[in-house]
Amino acid sequence: MKVEFTFDKEQIQQYGYTVEAVRQTIQKSFAAKGLHCISNGERLSFAGCGGEEDFSNMWAILMALLRTDWFPKFAASCTWHDDDGTQEDVLSQAWKIQRRKMA
């Protein structure tokens, strides 16, 4: 399992931030749970390490990001790749999380 991110550079800069600062913030969240960055190019990708908690840790991070005001604005894509080959557009679910936050 892995998750991949791309970012909207113009949107990030419009708010006075850099893509690198956004990337570092996300990387710190995954590193704190022992999840490895497997791609730090055009796409920022993280994968599980085979631990029992990898799945729940990755989703906890994703849910926390979706609850922020900045992540849904700054991410161009956020795609979950499951081990069985299925993919999920996580970013398309942000409105559900944001709506719950407001309720």
PDB file of N, CA and C in Angstrom:
ATOM      1  N   MET A   1       0.836  -1.180   0.000  1.00  0.00           N
ATOM      2  CA  MET A   1       0.000   0.000   0.000  1.00  0.00           C
ATOM      3  C   MET A   1       0.878   1.238   0.000  1.00  0.00           C
ATOM      4  N   LYS A   2       0.381   2.250  -0.692  1.00  0.00           N
ATOM      5  CA  LYS A   2       1.101   3.523  -0.720  1.00  0.00           C
ATOM      6  C   LYS A   2       0.120   4.650  -0.986  1.00  0.00           C
ATOM      7  N   VAL A   3       0.584   5.852  -0.740  1.00  0.00           N
ATOM      8  CA  VAL A   3      -0.208   7.042  -1.035  1.00  0.00           C
ATOM      9  C   VAL A   3       0.696   8.026  -1.774  1.00  0.00           C
ATOM     10  N   GLU A   4       0.138   8.672  -2.798  1.00  0.00           N
ATOM     11  CA  GLU A   4       0.884   9.632  -3.614  1.00  0.00           C
ATOM     12  C   GLU A   4       0.198  10.988  -3.591  1.00  0.00           C
ATOM     13  N   PHE A   5       1.017  12.021  -3.525  1.00  0.00           N
ATOM     14  CA  PHE A   5       0.527  13.399  -3.513  1.00  0.00           C
ATOM     15  C   PHE A   5       1.150  14.182  -4.657  1.00  0.00           C
ATOM     16  N   THR A   6       0.379  15.086  -5.252  1.00  0.00           N
ATOM     17  CA  THR A   6       0.919  16.152  -6.093  1.00  0.00           C
ATOM     18  C   THR A   6       0.332  17.448  -5.553  1.00  0.00           C
ATOM     19  N   PHE A   7       0.964  18.568  -5.916  1.00  0.00           N
ATOM     20  CA  PHE A   7       0.603  19.835  -5.297  1.00  0.00           C
ATOM     21  C   PHE A   7       0.337  20.920  -6.332  1.00  0.00           C
ATOM     22  N   ASP A   8      -0.504  21.866  -5.952  1.00  0.00           N
ATOM     23  CA  ASP A   8      -0.858  23.014  -6.783  1.00  0.00           C
ATOM     24  C   ASP A   8       0.073  24.168  -6.406  1.00  0.00           C
ATOM     25  N   LYS A   9       1.161  24.295  -7.150  1.00  0.00           N
ATOM     26  CA  LYS A   9       2.202  25.279  -6.832  1.00  0.00           C
ATOM     27  C   LYS A   9       1.648  26.702  -6.783  1.00  0.00           C
ATOM     28  N   GLU A  10       0.813  27.055  -7.742  1.00  0.00           N
ATOM     29  CA  GLU A  10       0.263  28.420  -7.780  1.00  0.00           C
ATOM     30  C   GLU A  10      -0.588  28.715  -6.549  1.00  0.00           C
ATOM     31  N   GLN A  11      -1.416  27.757  -6.166  1.00  0.00           N
ATOM     32  CA  GLN A  11      -2.275  27.939  -4.998  1.00  0.00           C
ATOM     33  C   GLN A  11      -1.425  28.082  -3.727  1.00  0.00           C
ATOM     34  N   ILE A  12      -0.407  27.270  -3.605  1.00  0.00           N
ATOM     35  CA  ILE A  12       0.479  27.324  -2.435  1.00  0.00           C
ATOM     36  C   ILE A  12       1.163  28.682  -2.357  1.00  0.00           C
ATOM     37  N   GLN A  13       1.701  29.142  -3.477  1.00  0.00           N
ATOM     38  CA  GLN A  13       2.397  30.427  -3.499  1.00  0.00           C
ATOM     39  C   GLN A  13       1.447  31.590  -3.250  1.00  0.00           C
ATOM     40  N   GLN A  14       0.212  31.463  -3.697  1.00  0.00           N
ATOM     41  CA  GLN A  14      -0.784  32.508  -3.483  1.00  0.00           C
ATOM     42  C   GLN A  14      -1.011  32.747  -1.989  1.00  0.00           C
ATOM     43  N   TYR A  15      -0.870  31.709  -1.196  1.00  0.00           N
ATOM     44  CA  TYR A  15      -1.040  31.822   0.253  1.00  0.00           C
ATOM     45  C   TYR A  15       0.274  32.126   0.975  1.00  0.00           C
ATOM     46  N   GLY A  16       1.343  32.347   0.215  1.00  0.00           N
ATOM     47  CA  GLY A  16       2.613  32.748   0.801  1.00  0.00           C
ATOM     48  C   GLY A  16       3.494  31.614   1.293  1.00  0.00           C
ATOM     49  N   TYR A  17       3.236  30.404   0.826  1.00  0.00           N
ATOM     50  CA  TYR A  17       4.038  29.250   1.229  1.00  0.00           C
ATOM     51  C   TYR A  17       4.832  28.736   0.036  1.00  0.00           C
ATOM     52  N   THR A  18       5.689  27.765   0.289  1.00  0.00           N
ATOM     53  CA  THR A  18       6.431  27.108  -0.782  1.00  0.00           C
ATOM     54  C   THR A  18       6.007  25.647  -0.838  1.00  0.00           C
ATOM     55  N   VAL A  19       6.157  25.061  -2.016  1.00  0.00           N
ATOM     56  CA  VAL A  19       5.854  23.643  -2.169  1.00  0.00           C
ATOM     57  C   VAL A  19       6.744  22.831  -1.234  1.00  0.00           C
ATOM     58  N   GLU A  20       7.989  23.233  -1.104  1.00  0.00           N
ATOM     59  CA  GLU A  20       8.915  22.500  -0.236  1.00  0.00           C
ATOM     60  C   GLU A  20       8.448  22.509   1.217  1.00  0.00           C
ATOM     61  N   ALA A  21       7.934  23.619   1.693  1.00  0.00           N
ATOM     62  CA  ALA A  21       7.435  23.692   3.076  1.00  0.00           C
ATOM     63  C   ALA A  21       6.238  22.760   3.266  1.00  0.00           C
ATOM     64  N   VAL A  22       5.354  22.711   2.286  1.00  0.00           N
ATOM     65  CA  VAL A  22       4.194  21.820   2.353  1.00  0.00           C
ATOM     66  C   VAL A  22       4.659  20.368   2.354  1.00  0.00           C
ATOM     67  N   ARG A  23       5.596  20.048   1.469  1.00  0.00           N
ATOM     68  CA  ARG A  23       6.132  18.685   1.397  1.00  0.00           C
ATOM     69  C   ARG A  23       6.767  18.275   2.726  1.00  0.00           C
ATOM     70  N   GLN A  24       7.560  19.161   3.301  1.00  0.00           N
ATOM     71  CA  GLN A  24       8.237  18.843   4.562  1.00  0.00           C
ATOM     72  C   GLN A  24       7.241  18.603   5.685  1.00  0.00           C
ATOM     73  N   THR A  25       6.179  19.375   5.716  1.00  0.00           N
ATOM     74  CA  THR A  25       5.150  19.193   6.742  1.00  0.00           C
ATOM     75  C   THR A  25       4.535  17.801   6.632  1.00  0.00           C
ATOM     76  N   ILE A  26       4.219  17.397   5.418  1.00  0.00           N
ATOM     77  CA  ILE A  26       3.624  16.075   5.202  1.00  0.00           C
ATOM     78  C   ILE A  26       4.641  14.981   5.505  1.00  0.00           C
ATOM     79  N   GLN A  27       5.883  15.174   5.076  1.00  0.00           N
ATOM     80  CA  GLN A  27       6.920  14.179   5.335  1.00  0.00           C
ATOM     81  C   GLN A  27       7.126  13.957   6.832  1.00  0.00           C
ATOM     82  N   LYS A  28       7.079  15.010   7.609  1.00  0.00           N
ATOM     83  CA  LYS A  28       7.248  14.882   9.060  1.00  0.00           C
ATOM     84  C   LYS A  28       6.147  14.028   9.668  1.00  0.00           C
ATOM     85  N   SER A  29       4.925  14.190   9.182  1.00  0.00           N
ATOM     86  CA  SER A  29       3.804  13.398   9.702  1.00  0.00           C
ATOM     87  C   SER A  29       4.014  11.908   9.453  1.00  0.00           C
ATOM     88  N   PHE A  30       4.450  11.566   8.251  1.00  0.00           N
ATOM     89  CA  PHE A  30       4.675  10.158   7.928  1.00  0.00           C
ATOM     90  C   PHE A  30       5.906   9.612   8.649  1.00  0.00           C
ATOM     91  N   ALA A  31       6.965  10.396   8.717  1.00  0.00           N
ATOM     92  CA  ALA A  31       8.182   9.947   9.399  1.00  0.00           C
ATOM     93  C   ALA A  31       7.925   9.694  10.880  1.00  0.00           C
ATOM     94  N   ALA A  32       7.065  10.500  11.490  1.00  0.00           N
ATOM     95  CA  ALA A  32       6.756  10.336  12.914  1.00  0.00           C
ATOM     96  C   ALA A  32       6.114   8.979  13.199  1.00  0.00           C
ATOM     97  N   LYS A  33       5.486   8.386  12.199  1.00  0.00           N
ATOM     98  CA  LYS A  33       4.861   7.066  12.347  1.00  0.00           C
ATOM     99  C   LYS A  33       5.730   5.960  11.756  1.00  0.00           C
ATOM    100  N   GLY A  34       6.957   6.302  11.354  1.00  0.00           N
ATOM    101  CA  GLY A  34       7.878   5.308  10.814  1.00  0.00           C
ATOM    102  C   GLY A  34       7.563   4.873   9.399  1.00  0.00           C
ATOM    103  N   LEU A  35       6.823   5.687   8.661  1.00  0.00           N
ATOM    104  CA  LEU A  35       6.468   5.371   7.281  1.00  0.00           C
ATOM    105  C   LEU A  35       7.445   6.070   6.342  1.00  0.00           C
ATOM    106  N   HIS A  36       7.908   5.334   5.350  1.00  0.00           N
ATOM    107  CA  HIS A  36       8.991   5.812   4.504  1.00  0.00           C
ATOM    108  C   HIS A  36       8.512   6.556   3.264  1.00  0.00           C
ATOM    109  N   CYS A  37       9.232   7.625   2.941  1.00  0.00           N
ATOM    110  CA  CYS A  37       9.035   8.344   1.689  1.00  0.00           C
ATOM    111  C   CYS A  37       9.720   7.520   0.602  1.00  0.00           C
ATOM    112  N   ILE A  38       8.973   7.131  -0.424  1.00  0.00           N
ATOM    113  CA  ILE A  38       9.547   6.312  -1.491  1.00  0.00           C
ATOM    114  C   ILE A  38       9.734   7.091  -2.786  1.00  0.00           C
ATOM    115  N   SER A  39       9.193   8.302  -2.845  1.00  0.00           N
ATOM    116  CA  SER A  39       9.375   9.153  -4.018  1.00  0.00           C
ATOM    117  C   SER A  39       9.234  10.604  -3.590  1.00  0.00           C
ATOM    118  N   ASN A  40      10.232  11.394  -3.936  1.00  0.00           N
ATOM    119  CA  ASN A  40      10.222  12.806  -3.570  1.00  0.00           C
ATOM    120  C   ASN A  40      10.524  13.654  -4.798  1.00  0.00           C
ATOM    121  N   GLY A  41       9.871  13.308  -5.900  1.00  0.00           N
ATOM    122  CA  GLY A  41      10.032  14.055  -7.137  1.00  0.00           C
ATOM    123  C   GLY A  41       8.773  14.829  -7.447  1.00  0.00           C
ATOM    124  N   GLU A  42       8.300  14.696  -8.676  1.00  0.00           N
ATOM    125  CA  GLU A  42       7.042  15.334  -9.072  1.00  0.00           C
ATOM    126  C   GLU A  42       5.904  14.884  -8.154  1.00  0.00           C
ATOM    127  N   ARG A  43       5.956  13.617  -7.785  1.00  0.00           N
ATOM    128  CA  ARG A  43       4.994  13.052  -6.829  1.00  0.00           C
ATOM    129  C   ARG A  43       5.712  12.768  -5.516  1.00  0.00           C
ATOM    130  N   LEU A  44       5.027  13.033  -4.431  1.00  0.00           N
ATOM    131  CA  LEU A  44       5.514  12.698  -3.100  1.00  0.00           C
ATOM    132  C   LEU A  44       4.767  11.440  -2.689  1.00  0.00           C
ATOM    133  N   SER A  45       5.504  10.343  -2.437  1.00  0.00           N
ATOM    134  CA  SER A  45       4.867   9.055  -2.159  1.00  0.00           C
ATOM    135  C   SER A  45       5.406   8.440  -0.879  1.00  0.00           C
ATOM    136  N   PHE A  46       4.500   7.762  -0.171  1.00  0.00           N
ATOM    137  CA  PHE A  46       4.850   7.060   1.059  1.00  0.00           C
ATOM    138  C   PHE A  46       4.272   5.662   0.995  1.00  0.00           C
ATOM    139  N   ALA A  47       4.986   4.714   1.617  1.00  0.00           N
ATOM    140  CA  ALA A  47       4.529   3.325   1.616  1.00  0.00           C
ATOM    141  C   ALA A  47       4.611   2.747   3.014  1.00  0.00           C
ATOM    142  N   GLY A  48       3.799   1.729   3.212  1.00  0.00           N
ATOM    143  CA  GLY A  48       3.871   0.987   4.453  1.00  0.00           C
ATOM    144  C   GLY A  48       5.161   0.185   4.498  1.00  0.00           C
ATOM    145  N   CYS A  49       5.568  -0.166   5.704  1.00  0.00           N
ATOM    146  CA  CYS A  49       6.827  -0.894   5.898  1.00  0.00           C
ATOM    147  C   CYS A  49       6.587  -2.343   6.302  1.00  0.00           C
ATOM    148  N   GLY A  50       5.353  -2.786   6.226  1.00  0.00           N
ATOM    149  CA  GLY A  50       5.033  -4.151   6.614  1.00  0.00           C
ATOM    150  C   GLY A  50       4.602  -4.290   8.059  1.00  0.00           C
ATOM    151  N   GLY A  51       4.482  -3.180   8.756  1.00  0.00           N
ATOM    152  CA  GLY A  51       4.069  -3.218  10.153  1.00  0.00           C
ATOM    153  C   GLY A  51       2.565  -3.366  10.301  1.00  0.00           C
ATOM    154  N   GLU A  52       2.147  -3.900  11.440  1.00  0.00           N
ATOM    155  CA  GLU A  52       0.725  -4.111  11.705  1.00  0.00           C
ATOM    156  C   GLU A  52      -0.067  -2.808  11.703  1.00  0.00           C
ATOM    157  N   GLU A  53       0.573  -1.728  12.089  1.00  0.00           N
ATOM    158  CA  GLU A  53      -0.118  -0.448  12.234  1.00  0.00           C
ATOM    159  C   GLU A  53      -0.018   0.450  11.000  1.00  0.00           C
ATOM    160  N   ASP A  54       0.663   0.000   9.961  1.00  0.00           N
ATOM    161  CA  ASP A  54       0.883   0.855   8.787  1.00  0.00           C
ATOM    162  C   ASP A  54      -0.419   1.387   8.192  1.00  0.00           C
ATOM    163  N   PHE A  55      -1.373   0.504   7.968  1.00  0.00           N
ATOM    164  CA  PHE A  55      -2.636   0.908   7.345  1.00  0.00           C
ATOM    165  C   PHE A  55      -3.337   1.970   8.185  1.00  0.00           C
ATOM    166  N   SER A  56      -3.501   1.693   9.468  1.00  0.00           N
ATOM    167  CA  SER A  56      -4.216   2.648  10.328  1.00  0.00           C
ATOM    168  C   SER A  56      -3.429   3.942  10.491  1.00  0.00           C
ATOM    169  N   ASN A  57      -2.107   3.860  10.565  1.00  0.00           N
ATOM    170  CA  ASN A  57      -1.294   5.074  10.679  1.00  0.00           C
ATOM    171  C   ASN A  57      -1.403   5.937   9.430  1.00  0.00           C
ATOM    172  N   MET A  58      -1.360   5.301   8.266  1.00  0.00           N
ATOM    173  CA  MET A  58      -1.449   6.069   7.022  1.00  0.00           C
ATOM    174  C   MET A  58      -2.805   6.763   6.914  1.00  0.00           C
ATOM    175  N   TRP A  59      -3.871   6.050   7.248  1.00  0.00           N
ATOM    176  CA  TRP A  59      -5.195   6.658   7.155  1.00  0.00           C
ATOM    177  C   TRP A  59      -5.413   7.715   8.223  1.00  0.00           C
ATOM    178  N   ALA A  60      -4.827   7.545   9.387  1.00  0.00           N
ATOM    179  CA  ALA A  60      -4.936   8.580  10.426  1.00  0.00           C
ATOM    180  C   ALA A  60      -4.281   9.871   9.945  1.00  0.00           C
ATOM    181  N   ILE A  61      -3.130   9.748   9.288  1.00  0.00           N
ATOM    182  CA  ILE A  61      -2.442  10.923   8.744  1.00  0.00           C
ATOM    183  C   ILE A  61      -3.289  11.564   7.648  1.00  0.00           C
ATOM    184  N   LEU A  62      -3.814  10.742   6.745  1.00  0.00           N
ATOM    185  CA  LEU A  62      -4.637  11.277   5.655  1.00  0.00           C
ATOM    186  C   LEU A  62      -5.871  11.996   6.193  1.00  0.00           C
ATOM    187  N   MET A  63      -6.536  11.415   7.173  1.00  0.00           N
ATOM    188  CA  MET A  63      -7.718  12.061   7.748  1.00  0.00           C
ATOM    189  C   MET A  63      -7.344  13.376   8.433  1.00  0.00           C
ATOM    190  N   ALA A  64      -6.220  13.386   9.122  1.00  0.00           N
ATOM    191  CA  ALA A  64      -5.766  14.623   9.771  1.00  0.00           C
ATOM    192  C   ALA A  64      -5.474  15.699   8.726  1.00  0.00           C
ATOM    193  N   LEU A  65      -4.833  15.315   7.617  1.00  0.00           N
ATOM    194  CA  LEU A  65      -4.554  16.279   6.550  1.00  0.00           C
ATOM    195  C   LEU A  65      -5.850  16.813   5.942  1.00  0.00           C
ATOM    196  N   LEU A  66      -6.796  15.938   5.704  1.00  0.00           N
ATOM    197  CA  LEU A  66      -8.064  16.361   5.107  1.00  0.00           C
ATOM    198  C   LEU A  66      -8.848  17.300   6.019  1.00  0.00           C
ATOM    199  N   ARG A  67      -8.612  17.223   7.314  1.00  0.00           N
ATOM    200  CA  ARG A  67      -9.312  18.099   8.262  1.00  0.00           C
ATOM    201  C   ARG A  67      -8.696  19.493   8.349  1.00  0.00           C
ATOM    202  N   THR A  68      -7.505  19.660   7.798  1.00  0.00           N
ATOM    203  CA  THR A  68      -6.877  20.981   7.841  1.00  0.00           C
ATOM    204  C   THR A  68      -7.527  21.891   6.809  1.00  0.00           C
ATOM    205  N   ASP A  69      -7.351  23.178   6.999  1.00  0.00           N
ATOM    206  CA  ASP A  69      -7.846  24.135   6.009  1.00  0.00           C
ATOM    207  C   ASP A  69      -6.943  24.178   4.785  1.00  0.00           C
ATOM    208  N   TRP A  70      -5.651  23.928   4.966  1.00  0.00           N
ATOM    209  CA  TRP A  70      -4.685  24.130   3.896  1.00  0.00           C
ATOM    210  C   TRP A  70      -4.536  22.941   2.950  1.00  0.00           C
ATOM    211  N   PHE A  71      -4.576  21.719   3.453  1.00  0.00           N
ATOM    212  CA  PHE A  71      -4.271  20.571   2.595  1.00  0.00           C
ATOM    213  C   PHE A  71      -5.209  20.440   1.397  1.00  0.00           C
ATOM    214  N   PRO A  72      -6.528  20.474   1.580  1.00  0.00           N
ATOM    215  CA  PRO A  72      -7.391  20.355   0.393  1.00  0.00           C
ATOM    216  C   PRO A  72      -7.174  21.470  -0.635  1.00  0.00           C
ATOM    217  N   LYS A  73      -6.720  22.634  -0.193  1.00  0.00           N
ATOM    218  CA  LYS A  73      -6.440  23.735  -1.121  1.00  0.00           C
ATOM    219  C   LYS A  73      -5.129  23.523  -1.870  1.00  0.00           C
ATOM    220  N   PHE A  74      -4.130  22.982  -1.173  1.00  0.00           N
ATOM    221  CA  PHE A  74      -2.782  22.901  -1.731  1.00  0.00           C
ATOM    222  C   PHE A  74      -2.502  21.621  -2.505  1.00  0.00           C
ATOM    223  N   ALA A  75      -3.224  20.563  -2.228  1.00  0.00           N
ATOM    224  CA  ALA A  75      -2.994  19.292  -2.917  1.00  0.00           C
ATOM    225  C   ALA A  75      -3.708  19.303  -4.263  1.00  0.00           C
ATOM    226  N   ALA A  76      -2.991  18.922  -5.302  1.00  0.00           N
ATOM    227  CA  ALA A  76      -3.609  18.755  -6.619  1.00  0.00           C
ATOM    228  C   ALA A  76      -4.187  17.350  -6.735  1.00  0.00           C
ATOM    229  N   SER A  77      -3.536  16.388  -6.064  1.00  0.00           N
ATOM    230  CA  SER A  77      -4.046  15.019  -6.027  1.00  0.00           C
ATOM    231  C   SER A  77      -3.529  14.323  -4.778  1.00  0.00           C
ATOM    232  N   CYS A  78      -4.301  13.346  -4.351  1.00  0.00           N
ATOM    233  CA  CYS A  78      -3.916  12.476  -3.240  1.00  0.00           C
ATOM    234  C   CYS A  78      -4.547  11.130  -3.549  1.00  0.00           C
ATOM    235  N   THR A  79      -3.725  10.166  -3.936  1.00  0.00           N
ATOM    236  CA  THR A  79      -4.230   8.884  -4.406  1.00  0.00           C
ATOM    237  C   THR A  79      -3.708   7.749  -3.542  1.00  0.00           C
ATOM    238  N   TRP A  80      -4.631   6.946  -3.029  1.00  0.00           N
ATOM    239  CA  TRP A  80      -4.303   5.760  -2.250  1.00  0.00           C
ATOM    240  C   TRP A  80      -4.187   4.578  -3.210  1.00  0.00           C
ATOM    241  N   HIS A  81      -3.115   3.806  -3.088  1.00  0.00           N
ATOM    242  CA  HIS A  81      -2.905   2.604  -3.896  1.00  0.00           C
ATOM    243  C   HIS A  81      -2.892   1.412  -2.951  1.00  0.00           C
ATOM    244  N   ASP A  82      -3.876   0.534  -3.092  1.00  0.00           N
ATOM    245  CA  ASP A  82      -3.946  -0.641  -2.230  1.00  0.00           C
ATOM    246  C   ASP A  82      -3.094  -1.762  -2.816  1.00  0.00           C
ATOM    247  N   ASP A  83      -2.779  -2.740  -1.983  1.00  0.00           N
ATOM    248  CA  ASP A  83      -1.936  -3.849  -2.418  1.00  0.00           C
ATOM    249  C   ASP A  83      -2.587  -4.695  -3.511  1.00  0.00           C
ATOM    250  N   ASP A  84      -3.906  -4.652  -3.618  1.00  0.00           N
ATOM    251  CA  ASP A  84      -4.598  -5.445  -4.639  1.00  0.00           C
ATOM    252  C   ASP A  84      -4.713  -4.715  -5.981  1.00  0.00           C
ATOM    253  N   GLY A  85      -4.084  -3.542  -6.075  1.00  0.00           N
ATOM    254  CA  GLY A  85      -4.082  -2.789  -7.327  1.00  0.00           C
ATOM    255  C   GLY A  85      -5.157  -1.727  -7.436  1.00  0.00           C
ATOM    256  N   THR A  86      -6.074  -1.679  -6.491  1.00  0.00           N
ATOM    257  CA  THR A  86      -7.112  -0.652  -6.547  1.00  0.00           C
ATOM    258  C   THR A  86      -6.550   0.698  -6.117  1.00  0.00           C
ATOM    259  N   GLN A  87      -7.164   1.741  -6.639  1.00  0.00           N
ATOM    260  CA  GLN A  87      -6.769   3.109  -6.308  1.00  0.00           C
ATOM    261  C   GLN A  87      -7.984   3.876  -5.818  1.00  0.00           C
ATOM    262  N   GLU A  88      -7.732   4.825  -4.933  1.00  0.00           N
ATOM    263  CA  GLU A  88      -8.810   5.673  -4.432  1.00  0.00           C
ATOM    264  C   GLU A  88      -8.354   7.122  -4.453  1.00  0.00           C
ATOM    265  N   ASP A  89      -9.204   7.977  -4.991  1.00  0.00           N
ATOM    266  CA  ASP A  89      -8.943   9.414  -5.007  1.00  0.00           C
ATOM    267  C   ASP A  89      -9.339   9.975  -3.643  1.00  0.00           C
ATOM    268  N   VAL A  90      -8.372  10.084  -2.755  1.00  0.00           N
ATOM    269  CA  VAL A  90      -8.627  10.523  -1.382  1.00  0.00           C
ATOM    270  C   VAL A  90      -9.095  11.973  -1.362  1.00  0.00           C
ATOM    271  N   LEU A  91      -8.520  12.794  -2.197  1.00  0.00           N
ATOM    272  CA  LEU A  91      -8.845  14.219  -2.208  1.00  0.00           C
ATOM    273  C   LEU A  91     -10.322  14.468  -2.537  1.00  0.00           C
ATOM    274  N   SER A  92     -10.897  13.594  -3.337  1.00  0.00           N
ATOM    275  CA  SER A  92     -12.312  13.770  -3.688  1.00  0.00           C
ATOM    276  C   SER A  92     -13.231  13.569  -2.484  1.00  0.00           C
ATOM    277  N   GLN A  93     -12.714  13.009  -1.409  1.00  0.00           N
ATOM    278  CA  GLN A  93     -13.497  12.787  -0.189  1.00  0.00           C
ATOM    279  C   GLN A  93     -13.356  13.932   0.810  1.00  0.00           C
ATOM    280  N   ALA A  94     -12.541  14.913   0.503  1.00  0.00           N
ATOM    281  CA  ALA A  94     -12.257  15.996   1.456  1.00  0.00           C
ATOM    282  C   ALA A  94     -13.518  16.726   1.892  1.00  0.00           C
ATOM    283  N   TRP A  95     -14.453  16.924   0.994  1.00  0.00           N
ATOM    284  CA  TRP A  95     -15.671  17.660   1.347  1.00  0.00           C
ATOM    285  C   TRP A  95     -16.444  16.962   2.456  1.00  0.00           C
ATOM    286  N   LYS A  96     -16.403  15.629   2.490  1.00  0.00           N
ATOM    287  CA  LYS A  96     -17.103  14.897   3.549  1.00  0.00           C
ATOM    288  C   LYS A  96     -16.466  15.162   4.909  1.00  0.00           C
ATOM    289  N   ILE A  97     -15.154  15.161   4.928  1.00  0.00           N
ATOM    290  CA  ILE A  97     -14.415  15.388   6.173  1.00  0.00           C
ATOM    291  C   ILE A  97     -14.600  16.829   6.621  1.00  0.00           C
ATOM    292  N   GLN A  98     -14.499  17.770   5.683  1.00  0.00           N
ATOM    293  CA  GLN A  98     -14.664  19.183   6.012  1.00  0.00           C
ATOM    294  C   GLN A  98     -16.071  19.451   6.544  1.00  0.00           C
ATOM    295  N   ARG A  99     -17.067  18.805   5.960  1.00  0.00           N
ATOM    296  CA  ARG A  99     -18.449  18.998   6.398  1.00  0.00           C
ATOM    297  C   ARG A  99     -18.631  18.489   7.826  1.00  0.00           C
ATOM    298  N   ARG A 100     -18.034  17.356   8.156  1.00  0.00           N
ATOM    299  CA  ARG A 100     -18.121  16.812   9.514  1.00  0.00           C
ATOM    300  C   ARG A 100     -17.442  17.733  10.510  1.00  0.00           C
ATOM    301  N   LYS A 101     -16.356  18.352  10.081  1.00  0.00           N
ATOM    302  CA  LYS A 101     -15.623  19.261  10.960  1.00  0.00           C
ATOM    303  C   LYS A 101     -16.494  20.455  11.342  1.00  0.00           C
ATOM    304  N   MET A 102     -17.319  20.903  10.408  1.00  0.00           N
ATOM    305  CA  MET A 102     -18.147  22.082  10.637  1.00  0.00           C
ATOM    306  C   MET A 102     -19.399  21.757  11.461  1.00  0.00           C
ATOM    307  N   ALA A 103     -19.820  20.504  11.449  1.00  0.00           N
ATOM    308  CA  ALA A 103     -21.060  20.119  12.151  1.00  0.00           C
ATOM    309  C   ALA A 103     -20.897  20.110  13.659  1.00  0.00           C
TER     310      ALA A 103
END
